[in-house]
Amino acid sequence: MLIDDVWATVGSSNLHRFSLFGNGELNAAISAPEAVRGFRIELFKEHLAQDTALLDDRAALRLFRQIAHDNRQKLDHGDPVWQGLAFALDATTYGRSSQI
């Protein structure tokens, strides 16, 4: 989870009662804006196949959303040429079958 290019957490814990109270889970939290921003840039570079270093966190997230939406449209129309790994979920079919 990345929050505002300021704080991040990574690990196995989920926001679920079993993760929070009972199961052995581990997360690391980072509160160092330069490190968190760098983490976001590298993560988005991997998932979008595009550098977001010149964008602030909001603009980068808007770009992520647009690429994910475009990739979903391509997938739905049988176009295999996607940008990166981001896909918007179709709420009407999510969880019923695996399309990707």
Protein backbone atom coordinates (compact mmCIF):
# COMPACT_ATOMS: atom_id res chain seq x y z
CA MET A 1 0.00 0.00 0.00
CA LEU A 2 1.30 3.45 -0.94
CA ILE A 3 -0.16 6.59 0.61
CA ASP A 4 0.47 10.02 -0.95
CA ASP A 5 4.12 9.30 -1.84
CA VAL A 6 4.80 9.65 1.90
CA TRP A 7 4.03 6.34 3.63
CA ALA A 8 4.06 2.72 2.48
CA THR A 9 3.53 -0.74 3.87
CA VAL A 10 4.35 -4.07 2.32
CA GLY A 11 3.79 -7.55 3.68
CA SER A 12 1.37 -10.41 4.12
CA SER A 13 -1.16 -8.85 6.48
CA ASN A 14 -4.67 -8.18 5.16
CA LEU A 15 -7.40 -5.95 6.53
CA HIS A 16 -9.27 -8.97 7.82
CA ARG A 17 -9.87 -10.13 11.38
CA PHE A 18 -7.84 -13.32 10.89
CA SER A 19 -4.80 -11.36 9.70
CA LEU A 20 -5.14 -8.78 12.46
CA PHE A 21 -6.01 -11.14 15.33
CA GLY A 22 -4.61 -14.64 15.20
CA ASN A 23 -2.67 -15.55 12.08
CA GLY A 24 1.04 -14.90 11.93
CA GLU A 25 1.46 -12.01 9.50
CA LEU A 26 4.27 -9.58 8.88
CA ASN A 27 4.33 -6.09 7.37
CA ALA A 28 7.00 -3.45 7.10
CA ALA A 29 5.96 0.21 7.17
CA ILE A 30 8.05 2.96 5.60
CA SER A 31 7.62 6.61 6.53
CA ALA A 32 10.27 8.24 4.35
CA PRO A 33 8.84 10.32 1.50
CA GLU A 34 11.86 10.02 -0.81
CA ALA A 35 11.99 6.25 -0.41
CA VAL A 36 8.22 5.84 -0.80
CA ARG A 37 8.15 8.03 -3.92
CA GLY A 38 11.02 6.02 -5.39
CA PHE A 39 9.17 2.80 -4.59
CA ARG A 40 6.03 4.11 -6.35
CA ILE A 41 8.03 5.17 -9.41
CA GLU A 42 9.67 1.76 -9.75
CA LEU A 43 6.44 -0.12 -9.08
CA PHE A 44 4.52 1.92 -11.65
CA LYS A 45 7.37 1.55 -14.15
CA GLU A 46 7.00 -2.22 -13.84
CA HIS A 47 3.18 -2.24 -14.03
CA LEU A 48 2.68 0.52 -16.61
CA ALA A 49 5.80 0.12 -18.75
CA GLN A 50 6.13 3.89 -18.39
CA ASP A 51 8.24 6.19 -16.23
CA THR A 52 6.21 8.34 -13.82
CA ALA A 53 9.19 10.11 -12.22
CA LEU A 54 8.07 13.50 -13.55
CA LEU A 55 4.52 13.05 -12.21
CA ASP A 56 3.22 13.63 -8.70
CA ASP A 57 1.35 10.79 -7.02
CA ARG A 58 -2.11 11.92 -8.15
CA ALA A 59 -1.13 12.35 -11.79
CA ALA A 60 0.64 8.97 -11.70
CA LEU A 61 -2.48 7.32 -10.28
CA ARG A 62 -4.65 8.93 -12.97
CA LEU A 63 -2.25 7.56 -15.59
CA PHE A 64 -2.41 4.11 -13.93
CA ARG A 65 -6.21 4.21 -14.05
CA GLN A 66 -6.23 5.26 -17.72
CA ILE A 67 -3.78 2.55 -18.80
CA ALA A 68 -5.69 -0.07 -16.78
CA HIS A 69 -8.95 1.02 -18.44
CA ASP A 70 -7.38 0.99 -21.92
CA ASN A 71 -5.91 -2.47 -21.30
CA ARG A 72 -9.32 -3.75 -20.18
CA GLN A 73 -10.87 -2.42 -23.39
CA LYS A 74 -8.15 -4.10 -25.46
CA LEU A 75 -8.64 -7.39 -23.60
CA ASP A 76 -12.40 -7.26 -24.10
CA HIS A 77 -11.93 -6.68 -27.84
CA GLY A 78 -9.33 -9.42 -28.27
CA ASP A 79 -6.38 -7.07 -28.78
CA PRO A 80 -3.30 -8.73 -27.22
CA VAL A 81 -1.11 -5.60 -27.40
CA TRP A 82 -1.36 -4.21 -23.86
CA GLN A 83 0.72 -1.59 -22.09
CA GLY A 84 2.32 -2.94 -18.94
CA LEU A 85 0.46 -5.20 -16.51
CA ALA A 86 -2.37 -2.99 -15.22
CA PHE A 87 -5.99 -3.96 -15.92
CA ALA A 88 -9.25 -2.46 -14.74
CA LEU A 89 -11.54 -5.04 -13.20
CA ASP A 90 -14.99 -5.56 -14.63
CA ALA A 91 -17.17 -5.51 -11.51
CA THR A 92 -19.95 -7.45 -13.26
CA THR A 93 -17.71 -10.45 -13.94
CA TYR A 94 -14.90 -10.18 -11.38
CA GLY A 95 -14.67 -13.29 -9.27
CA ARG A 96 -16.80 -15.46 -11.58
CA SER A 97 -14.13 -16.50 -14.05
CA SER A 98 -10.52 -15.82 -14.87
CA GLN A 99 -10.11 -13.92 -18.15
CA ILE A 100 -6.43 -13.02 -17.81
